[in-house]
Protein backbone atom coordinates (compact mmCIF):
# COMPACT_ATOMS: atom_id res chain seq x y z
CA UNK A 1 -0.06 -0.02 -0.06
CA UNK A 2 2.94 2.40 1.18
CA UNK A 3 4.66 1.75 -2.43
CA UNK A 4 1.70 2.21 -4.64
CA UNK A 5 0.99 5.50 -2.72
CA UNK A 6 4.88 6.67 -3.03
CA UNK A 7 4.52 5.82 -6.73
CA UNK A 8 1.09 7.56 -7.42
CA UNK A 9 2.74 10.21 -5.98
CA UNK A 10 5.76 10.16 -7.86
CA UNK A 11 3.46 10.13 -11.24
CA UNK A 12 2.20 13.03 -10.17
CA UNK A 13 5.47 15.04 -9.56
CA UNK A 14 6.37 13.79 -12.84
CA UNK A 15 3.03 15.10 -14.88
CA UNK A 16 3.30 18.23 -12.54
CA UNK A 17 6.86 18.56 -13.40
CA UNK A 18 5.83 18.56 -17.59
CA UNK A 19 8.26 15.78 -17.85
CA UNK A 20 5.08 12.93 -18.60
CA UNK A 21 1.77 13.90 -20.27
CA UNK A 22 -1.37 12.78 -18.89
CA UNK A 23 -2.03 10.45 -21.29
CA UNK A 24 1.51 8.74 -19.93
CA UNK A 25 0.72 9.00 -16.13
CA UNK A 26 -2.56 7.07 -17.20
CA UNK A 27 -0.59 3.97 -18.49
CA UNK A 28 1.79 4.20 -16.03
CA UNK A 29 -0.43 4.35 -12.76
CA UNK A 30 -1.78 1.06 -12.10
CA UNK A 31 -5.29 0.30 -12.38
CA UNK A 32 -5.66 -0.69 -8.40
CA UNK A 33 -4.08 2.18 -7.62
CA UNK A 34 -5.13 4.54 -9.95
CA UNK A 35 -7.51 7.67 -8.82
CA UNK A 36 -11.15 6.21 -8.72
CA UNK A 37 -14.20 8.39 -8.48
CA UNK A 38 -16.99 7.84 -6.19
CA UNK A 39 -20.34 7.67 -7.26
CA UNK A 40 -22.07 8.24 -4.03
CA UNK A 41 -20.82 9.43 -0.47
CA UNK A 42 -21.78 9.84 2.91
CA UNK A 43 -19.88 12.50 5.03
CA UNK A 44 -20.11 13.36 8.94
CA UNK A 45 -18.79 16.67 9.03
CA UNK A 46 -19.66 20.04 7.16
CA UNK A 47 -16.93 20.05 4.39
CA UNK A 48 -16.60 17.57 1.63
CA UNK A 49 -12.92 16.65 0.96
CA UNK A 50 -11.14 15.33 -1.81
CA UNK A 51 -10.82 11.81 -0.17
CA UNK A 52 -14.48 11.97 0.33
CA UNK A 53 -15.16 11.55 -3.61
CA UNK A 54 -11.78 9.83 -4.53
CA UNK A 55 -10.39 6.34 -4.01
CA UNK A 56 -6.79 6.51 -4.12
CA UNK A 57 -6.33 10.26 -3.95
CA UNK A 58 -2.99 10.10 -1.93
CA UNK A 59 -1.59 12.79 -0.27
CA UNK A 60 -4.27 15.41 -1.22
CA UNK A 61 -7.02 13.34 0.73
CA UNK A 62 -7.59 15.30 3.14
CA UNK A 63 -7.81 18.40 1.10
CA UNK A 64 -11.04 20.13 1.44
CA UNK A 65 -13.00 21.40 -1.79
CA UNK A 66 -16.85 21.67 -1.13
CA UNK A 67 -19.18 22.61 1.36
CA UNK A 68 -21.23 19.70 2.67
CA UNK A 69 -25.18 19.74 2.61
CA UNK A 70 -27.38 20.32 5.90
CA UNK A 71 -27.16 17.87 8.51
CA UNK A 72 -29.90 14.78 7.19
CA UNK A 73 -29.73 16.19 3.74
CA UNK A 74 -28.09 14.82 0.44
CA UNK A 75 -27.10 16.75 -3.03
CA UNK A 76 -25.49 15.80 -6.68
CA UNK A 77 -22.52 17.41 -7.95
CA UNK A 78 -21.07 16.97 -11.45
CA UNK A 79 -18.54 15.07 -12.48
CA UNK A 80 -17.35 18.06 -14.51
CA UNK A 81 -17.08 20.22 -11.33
CA UNK A 82 -15.60 17.61 -9.13
CA UNK A 83 -12.93 17.15 -11.50
CA UNK A 84 -12.19 21.43 -12.18
CA UNK A 85 -12.22 21.25 -8.17
CA UNK A 86 -9.62 18.53 -7.57
CA UNK A 87 -7.60 19.55 -10.54
CA UNK A 88 -5.48 22.34 -8.34
CA UNK A 89 -4.27 20.04 -6.63
CA UNK A 90 -2.07 18.49 -9.20
CA UNK A 91 -4.14 14.94 -9.32
CA UNK A 92 -4.69 13.51 -12.42
CA UNK A 93 -5.47 10.27 -14.34
CA UNK A 94 -8.97 10.04 -12.32
CA UNK A 95 -11.19 7.53 -13.32
CA UNK A 96 -14.45 8.84 -13.26
CA UNK A 97 -16.15 5.25 -15.13
CA UNK A 98 -18.57 7.32 -16.72
CA UNK A 99 -20.34 8.65 -13.42
CA UNK A 100 -22.44 11.71 -14.30
CA UNK A 101 -22.55 12.91 -10.86
CA UNK A 102 -21.54 12.19 -7.05
CA UNK A 103 -24.37 12.11 -4.80
CA UNK A 104 -23.27 13.52 -1.38
CA UNK A 105 -25.19 12.74 1.90
CA UNK A 106 -24.86 14.41 5.26
CA UNK A 107 -24.72 12.31 8.32
CA UNK A 108 -27.30 13.45 10.98
CA UNK A 109 -29.26 11.65 13.87
CA UNK A 110 -32.63 12.22 13.33
CA UNK A 111 -35.32 13.10 15.91
CA UNK A 112 -38.35 12.47 14.67
CA UNK A 113 -41.52 13.77 16.02
CA UNK A 114 -42.28 10.69 17.72
CA UNK A 115 -39.84 10.95 19.92
CA UNK A 116 -40.14 14.60 20.90
CA UNK A 117 -43.88 13.34 21.71
CA UNK A 118 -42.30 10.50 23.99
CA UNK A 119 -40.07 12.79 25.40
CA UNK A 120 -42.86 15.15 26.72
CA UNK A 121 -44.59 12.40 28.01
CA UNK A 122 -41.75 11.25 30.38
CA UNK A 123 -41.17 15.03 31.30
CA UNK A 124 -45.09 15.84 32.03
CA UNK A 125 -45.76 11.95 33.80
CA UNK A 126 -42.39 12.54 35.85
CA UNK A 127 -42.72 15.57 36.76
CA UNK A 128 -46.65 16.75 36.97
CA UNK A 129 -47.59 12.32 38.15
CA UNK A 130 -49.14 11.81 34.93
CA UNK A 131 -48.64 8.39 34.87
CA UNK A 132 -46.68 5.91 32.91
CA UNK A 133 -45.27 8.07 30.07
CA UNK A 134 -46.68 5.33 27.28
CA UNK A 135 -50.50 6.31 28.20
CA UNK A 136 -50.05 9.97 27.60
CA UNK A 137 -51.50 11.08 24.45
CA UNK A 138 -49.79 14.36 23.29
CA UNK A 139 -50.85 17.05 21.12
CA UNK A 140 -48.60 19.46 19.09
CA UNK A 141 -50.67 22.95 18.70
CA UNK A 142 -48.64 22.63 15.21
CA UNK A 143 -47.07 20.00 13.47
CA UNK A 144 -43.76 18.93 14.54
CA UNK A 145 -41.05 18.62 12.01
CA UNK A 146 -37.86 16.27 12.19
CA UNK A 147 -34.51 17.99 14.01
CA UNK A 148 -31.22 16.53 12.29
CA UNK A 149 -28.55 17.31 14.79
CA UNK A 150 -24.96 15.79 14.82
CA UNK A 151 -24.84 12.22 14.12
CA UNK A 152 -22.03 11.57 17.16
CA UNK A 153 -24.86 13.33 19.71
CA UNK A 154 -26.32 10.86 21.78
CA UNK A 155 -27.79 12.37 24.47
CA UNK A 156 -31.44 12.81 25.48
CA UNK A 157 -33.29 15.87 24.77
CA UNK A 158 -33.28 18.19 28.34
CA UNK A 159 -36.27 19.81 29.52
CA UNK A 160 -34.63 23.35 29.68
CA UNK A 161 -38.57 24.64 31.08
CA UNK A 162 -41.89 23.03 30.95
CA UNK A 163 -45.53 23.97 32.46
CA UNK A 164 -48.48 22.29 32.62
CA UNK A 165 -52.29 23.39 33.65
CA UNK A 166 -54.52 19.57 35.01
CA UNK A 167 -57.18 22.36 34.07
CA UNK A 168 -56.90 22.86 30.59
CA UNK A 169 -54.56 20.19 30.07
CA UNK A 170 -52.24 22.46 28.25
CA UNK A 171 -48.05 22.05 28.36
CA UNK A 172 -45.34 24.69 27.24
CA UNK A 173 -41.60 22.70 26.77
CA UNK A 174 -38.68 24.23 25.97
CA UNK A 175 -35.84 21.10 25.32
CA UNK A 176 -32.12 21.66 24.39
CA UNK A 177 -29.21 19.20 23.55
CA UNK A 178 -25.81 19.17 25.23
CA UNK A 179 -23.49 18.55 22.69
CA UNK A 180 -24.92 19.78 19.69
CA UNK A 181 -23.62 22.67 17.54
CA UNK A 182 -26.30 22.25 15.31
CA UNK A 183 -28.88 23.07 18.27
CA UNK A 184 -27.08 25.48 19.77
CA UNK A 185 -28.96 28.43 18.09
CA UNK A 186 -31.91 27.10 17.62
CA UNK A 187 -34.85 26.81 19.92
CA UNK A 188 -36.70 23.40 20.25
CA UNK A 189 -40.34 24.85 21.77
CA UNK A 190 -43.47 23.00 21.53
CA UNK A 191 -46.42 23.65 22.68
CA UNK A 192 -50.31 21.26 23.31
CA UNK A 193 -52.31 19.44 24.95
CA UNK A 194 -51.29 16.10 26.36
CA UNK A 195 -53.58 13.92 29.04
CA UNK A 196 -53.29 10.49 30.49
CA UNK A 197 -55.30 7.80 28.24
CA UNK A 198 -56.36 4.12 29.49
CA UNK A 199 -56.63 1.31 26.71
CA UNK A 200 -60.06 1.28 25.29
CA UNK A 201 -61.92 -1.64 23.35
CA UNK A 202 -62.97 -0.86 20.00
CA UNK A 203 -63.70 -2.30 16.41
CA UNK A 204 -61.65 -2.49 13.62
CA UNK A 205 -64.49 -2.31 10.74
CA UNK A 206 -67.78 -1.24 10.62
CA UNK A 207 -70.00 -3.81 12.93
CA UNK A 208 -73.78 -4.26 12.06
CA UNK A 209 -76.75 -3.94 14.41
CA UNK A 210 -77.61 -7.53 15.91
CA UNK A 211 -73.65 -8.94 14.58
CA UNK A 212 -72.23 -11.09 17.33
CA UNK A 213 -68.49 -9.84 17.96
CA UNK A 214 -65.59 -11.79 17.94
CA UNK A 215 -62.14 -11.26 19.28
CA UNK A 216 -60.69 -10.84 15.61
CA UNK A 217 -63.51 -7.82 15.78
CA UNK A 218 -61.52 -6.12 18.76
CA UNK A 219 -58.94 -3.00 18.87
CA UNK A 220 -57.25 -1.18 21.23
CA UNK A 221 -57.57 1.76 21.36
CA UNK A 222 -56.40 4.87 23.43
CA UNK A 223 -59.33 6.86 25.66
CA UNK A 224 -58.81 9.90 28.20
CA UNK A 225 -58.95 8.34 31.65
CA UNK A 226 -61.54 11.31 32.54
CA UNK A 227 -63.74 9.66 30.10
CA UNK A 228 -65.08 6.92 32.14
CA UNK A 229 -67.59 3.70 31.20
CA UNK A 230 -65.92 2.21 28.37
CA UNK A 231 -65.22 -1.53 28.39
CA UNK A 232 -61.54 -2.73 28.82
CA UNK A 233 -62.04 -6.61 29.53
CA UNK A 234 -62.05 -8.33 25.59
CA UNK A 235 -63.25 -11.51 27.42
CA UNK A 236 -66.56 -9.75 28.46
CA UNK A 237 -67.02 -8.35 24.97
CA UNK A 238 -67.01 -11.42 22.84
CA UNK A 239 -70.12 -13.07 22.15
CA UNK A 240 -72.53 -10.16 22.78
CA UNK A 241 -73.74 -8.44 19.52
CA UNK A 242 -73.73 -5.08 18.43
CA UNK A 243 -77.14 -2.60 20.18
CA UNK A 244 -76.46 -0.35 16.94
CA UNK A 245 -73.88 0.12 14.28
CA UNK A 246 -70.27 0.34 15.49
CA UNK A 247 -67.68 2.64 13.76
CA UNK A 248 -63.47 1.75 14.13
CA UNK A 249 -62.48 4.22 16.50
CA UNK A 250 -65.22 4.74 18.94
CA UNK A 251 -65.03 3.17 22.15
CA UNK A 252 -67.29 0.37 23.36
CA UNK A 253 -69.59 0.92 25.88
CA UNK A 254 -72.14 -1.21 27.90
CA UNK A 255 -75.05 0.63 26.46
CA UNK A 256 -73.58 -0.46 22.79
CA UNK A 257 -73.71 -4.08 23.30
CA UNK A 258 -76.15 -6.83 24.30
CA UNK A 259 -76.76 -10.31 24.49
CA UNK A 260 -77.17 -12.06 20.71
CA UNK A 261 -80.98 -11.97 19.62
CA UNK A 262 -81.36 -15.84 19.05
CA UNK A 263 -85.02 -15.40 18.69
CA UNK A 264 -86.56 -12.77 16.21
CA UNK A 265 -89.82 -12.17 16.09
CA UNK A 266 -92.44 -13.36 13.56
CA UNK A 267 -89.50 -15.75 13.04
CA UNK A 268 -90.62 -19.69 12.37
CA UNK A 269 -89.41 -21.25 15.52
CA UNK A 270 -89.10 -24.91 17.35
CA UNK A 271 -91.04 -25.59 20.60
CA UNK A 272 -89.59 -28.13 22.67
CA UNK A 273 -92.59 -28.93 24.96
CA UNK A 274 -90.66 -31.43 27.95
CA UNK A 275 -92.88 -33.36 30.59
CA UNK A 276 -91.16 -36.12 32.87
CA UNK A 277 -91.00 -39.00 30.20
CA UNK A 278 -91.92 -37.00 27.41
CA UNK A 279 -90.37 -34.72 25.02
CA UNK A 280 -92.42 -32.80 22.05
CA UNK A 281 -91.51 -30.72 19.23
CA UNK A 282 -93.71 -28.21 17.61
CA UNK A 283 -93.60 -26.02 15.10
CA UNK A 284 -94.12 -21.99 16.24
CA UNK A 285 -94.12 -18.23 15.24
CA UNK A 286 -91.97 -15.68 17.54
CA UNK A 287 -94.07 -12.95 18.84
CA UNK A 288 -90.76 -11.36 20.78
CA UNK A 289 -87.27 -10.87 19.98
CA UNK A 290 -85.33 -12.73 22.86
CA UNK A 291 -82.33 -13.79 23.62
CA UNK A 292 -80.60 -17.47 25.80
CA UNK A 293 -82.69 -17.46 28.70
CA UNK A 294 -85.36 -14.95 27.69
CA UNK A 295 -88.98 -15.97 28.50
CA UNK A 296 -90.69 -15.09 25.24
CA UNK A 297 -94.56 -15.60 23.73
CA UNK A 298 -94.96 -18.53 20.59
CA UNK A 299 -97.84 -18.96 19.17
CA UNK A 300 -98.43 -22.75 18.13
CA UNK A 301 -98.93 -22.91 14.44
CA UNK A 302 -101.39 -25.83 14.57
CA UNK A 303 -104.06 -24.82 17.53
CA UNK A 304 -102.74 -21.00 17.11
CA UNK A 305 -103.09 -20.80 20.92
CA UNK A 306 -100.45 -18.68 22.64
CA UNK A 307 -97.68 -19.78 24.78
CA UNK A 308 -94.49 -18.94 26.76
CA UNK A 309 -91.71 -20.51 26.68
CA UNK A 310 -88.05 -19.61 27.51
CA UNK A 311 -84.93 -18.81 24.35
CA UNK A 312 -82.60 -22.01 24.57
CA UNK A 313 -80.91 -22.13 21.50
CA UNK A 314 -80.91 -20.21 17.81
CA UNK A 315 -84.81 -20.54 16.89
CA UNK A 316 -85.67 -22.39 19.78
CA UNK A 317 -88.13 -22.05 22.30
CA UNK A 318 -88.50 -24.54 25.44
CA UNK A 319 -91.41 -25.14 27.53
CA UNK A 320 -90.89 -26.94 30.67
CA UNK A 321 -94.08 -28.61 31.72
CA UNK A 322 -92.95 -30.39 35.07
CA UNK A 323 -95.31 -30.17 37.63
CA UNK A 324 -94.67 -27.74 40.98
CA UNK A 325 -94.45 -29.90 44.31
CA UNK A 326 -96.56 -28.50 46.64
CA UNK A 327 -95.76 -29.40 50.43
CA UNK A 328 -98.79 -29.85 52.55
CA UNK A 329 -99.87 -28.71 56.46
CA UNK A 330 -98.46 -30.97 58.85
CA UNK A 331 -100.88 -32.94 61.14
CA UNK A 332 -101.26 -32.20 64.63
CA UNK A 333 -99.26 -33.99 67.21
CA UNK A 334 -101.81 -37.06 68.23
CA UNK A 335 -100.64 -35.91 71.50
CA UNK A 336 -102.62 -33.06 71.82
CA UNK A 337 -105.64 -32.83 73.08
CA UNK A 338 -108.93 -32.05 71.18
CA UNK A 339 -110.60 -28.67 72.48
CA UNK A 340 -113.50 -31.31 73.60
CA UNK A 341 -110.90 -33.09 75.85
CA UNK A 342 -109.79 -30.07 77.82
CA UNK A 343 -111.44 -29.88 81.56
CA UNK A 344 -114.22 -26.96 81.90
CA UNK A 345 -113.36 -24.09 84.56
CA UNK A 346 -116.22 -23.71 86.43
CA UNK A 347 -117.94 -20.18 87.14
CA UNK A 348 -119.94 -19.24 89.96
CA UNK A 349 -122.09 -16.42 90.47
CA UNK A 350 -122.60 -15.05 94.17
């Protein structure tokens, strides 16, 4: 490697002295050590140097030639401009490989809006006791753009000032990031609202009235803790039916659900008549809607007689004809004397 660098330097010196032509220099330079233009590069500083753009450039590698793009951005430099910028530094015989431009990217650490919101929630949870930061919903007054800082700055955002009103749920915060020159003159100031939330149940697609809920229909949505009344136990919800149409994004409440209607009014149903040692099956017409365990009226299709039974399954009503047991009065003890056997008390008249 050292030998190749010395050889390249010697060729450059000969070309600079006019002892060899550019074509001769390209012939003398071996392909492995010939300066070669890069197609795309990433720089970490604010200056682009020859060595960033050209491989095998020898002692001129650290020579600055361009200003780097802004943090987190990229730019395209035409090949002609690169060659023109390098020419005064006596680097000859550059193999451009047919590249028309070089893409230069400035490396950065991106602080996203999500990261900023999480930092706000953490600060409010710790300083104002709003609970777990994961359960604090933060909304900014304006769109928050990504902030790009130097890639070697790895510390957390530090709170410079923070105020919060529990009455209005409004916050005002200013952050700083130690060690970042990019943020030295840039103010990271944000305002908005923050509320503590709970995990409530909702549906992930529209559910029509009367449709029974399955576990796959449910999703978890964040709702303000102050709302109250939202359903959170999926085991208690699965199997219940929608009392009205349910829409995604809305939390479920007890009033939104009901037991599934297994019998619908005017539907044909099966009447099961049960008596000791006897079971009869008849056809009937439901006069009411009913869920499992509800008592409904049913008309016998043949006799037109109205009877009442208990909904025992889909389209099924059971009538239990088991006679009730009546307990009679206990007889008087045999040893108790009758009124006629009682001794009569004598009354005297003076």
